[in-house]
Protein backbone atom coordinates (compact mmCIF):
# COMPACT_ATOMS: atom_id res chain seq x y z
CA MET A 1 -64.35 16.78 -11.52
CA ARG A 2 -63.72 13.05 -11.79
CA PRO A 3 -62.49 11.23 -8.62
CA THR A 4 -58.84 10.15 -8.78
CA ILE A 5 -59.76 6.53 -8.14
CA LEU A 6 -61.54 6.39 -11.51
CA THR A 7 -58.73 7.95 -13.54
CA THR A 8 -57.32 5.62 -16.18
CA SER A 9 -53.92 5.36 -17.77
CA ARG A 10 -52.33 3.59 -20.71
CA ARG A 11 -49.77 2.10 -18.28
CA ALA A 12 -50.48 -1.30 -16.83
CA TRP A 13 -48.61 -3.94 -14.92
CA PHE A 14 -50.57 -6.88 -16.27
CA GLN A 15 -52.38 -7.61 -19.51
CA GLY A 16 -54.67 -10.34 -18.26
CA ILE A 17 -56.47 -11.80 -15.30
CA VAL A 18 -57.61 -15.40 -15.06
CA PHE A 19 -60.08 -16.71 -12.49
CA ILE A 20 -59.66 -20.40 -11.71
CA ARG A 21 -62.10 -22.61 -9.83
CA ASN A 22 -61.26 -26.01 -8.29
CA LEU A 23 -58.22 -26.78 -10.45
CA ALA A 24 -55.27 -28.82 -9.21
CA ALA A 25 -52.84 -27.92 -11.98
CA GLU A 26 -50.41 -30.39 -13.49
CA PRO A 27 -46.69 -29.44 -13.62
CA HIS A 28 -46.16 -26.74 -16.25
CA LYS A 29 -44.45 -23.49 -17.23
CA ASP A 30 -46.55 -20.64 -18.58
CA ARG A 31 -44.63 -20.43 -21.85
CA SER A 32 -46.86 -17.74 -23.36
CA ASP A 33 -46.09 -15.33 -20.50
CA TYR A 34 -43.47 -12.62 -20.97
CA ALA A 35 -40.06 -14.15 -20.11
CA ASP A 36 -38.94 -11.18 -18.00
CA GLY A 37 -42.36 -10.71 -16.46
CA TRP A 38 -43.95 -11.83 -13.23
CA VAL A 39 -47.26 -13.35 -12.26
CA ILE A 40 -49.26 -12.72 -9.13
CA MET A 41 -51.39 -15.58 -7.84
CA CYS A 42 -53.83 -15.34 -4.95
CA CYS A 43 -56.37 -17.85 -3.71
CA TRP A 44 -59.46 -18.08 -1.53
CA GLY A 45 -62.12 -20.56 -0.52
CA ASP A 46 -62.71 -23.36 1.96
CA PHE A 47 -60.09 -26.01 1.17
CA VAL A 48 -57.17 -27.97 2.61
CA ASP A 49 -53.91 -29.35 1.21
CA ALA A 50 -53.57 -27.10 -1.86
CA ASN A 51 -49.79 -26.96 -1.86
CA LEU A 52 -47.95 -24.92 -4.48
CA VAL A 53 -44.87 -26.78 -5.75
CA ILE A 54 -41.92 -25.23 -7.61
CA PRO A 55 -39.64 -28.21 -8.33
CA ALA A 56 -36.60 -26.27 -9.66
CA LEU A 57 -36.32 -24.46 -6.31
CA ASN A 58 -37.19 -27.57 -4.33
CA LEU A 59 -40.14 -25.66 -2.81
CA ARG A 60 -43.45 -27.04 -1.63
CA PHE A 61 -45.57 -24.85 0.59
CA ALA A 62 -49.14 -24.45 1.72
CA PHE A 63 -51.01 -21.99 -0.50
CA LYS A 64 -53.74 -20.96 1.93
CA PRO A 65 -56.78 -18.70 1.47
CA GLY A 66 -55.62 -15.09 1.37
CA ASP A 67 -52.03 -15.93 0.38
CA VAL A 68 -50.37 -14.09 -2.49
CA VAL A 69 -47.44 -15.51 -4.47
CA ILE A 70 -45.32 -13.60 -7.00
CA PHE A 71 -42.89 -15.41 -9.29
CA ARG A 72 -41.75 -15.87 -12.89
CA SER A 73 -44.07 -18.55 -14.19
CA THR A 74 -42.49 -18.81 -17.62
CA LEU A 75 -39.10 -19.70 -16.11
CA LEU A 76 -40.18 -21.80 -13.13
CA GLY A 77 -42.26 -24.92 -13.55
CA HIS A 78 -45.01 -25.12 -10.95
CA TYR A 79 -48.22 -26.88 -10.00
CA ILE A 80 -50.96 -27.07 -7.40
CA MET A 81 -51.31 -30.40 -5.63
CA PRO A 82 -54.72 -32.09 -5.31
CA PHE A 83 -56.85 -30.64 -2.51
CA GLU A 84 -60.13 -31.11 -0.72
CA GLY A 85 -62.86 -28.47 -0.72
CA GLU A 86 -63.73 -25.44 -2.81
CA ARG A 87 -60.74 -23.42 -4.06
CA SER A 88 -60.66 -20.35 -6.27
CA SER A 89 -57.66 -18.38 -7.44
CA THR A 90 -56.84 -15.31 -9.46
CA VAL A 91 -53.74 -15.05 -11.65
CA PHE A 92 -52.47 -11.74 -13.03
CA PHE A 93 -50.13 -12.14 -16.04
CA SER A 94 -48.70 -10.55 -19.18
CA HIS A 95 -47.77 -12.03 -22.55
CA ASN A 96 -45.71 -9.00 -23.63
CA HIS A 97 -43.65 -6.22 -22.06
CA VAL A 98 -46.33 -3.84 -20.83
CA MET A 99 -44.23 -0.72 -20.18
CA GLY A 100 -42.20 -0.66 -23.42
């Protein structure tokens, strides 16, 4: 009998995962992402001052190691400010509706 943790399904929340290393992103919208979809971003490393900025919401906040952010990246422009140190992040995304 196969353990439940290894069981697979055709259902998925995200179609892709991107690993990013030491990138302070310029302002952008992820136009290829699904318009009604969400992204999950998390980061780790030894760094300071890597603020996530979402101008349309007038938000600027510290995006610290271990933080997780969920938002609609195709609708909301965003960027990571320049930082010092070693920073890695993971972004989960979809380009199409995954449940339809």
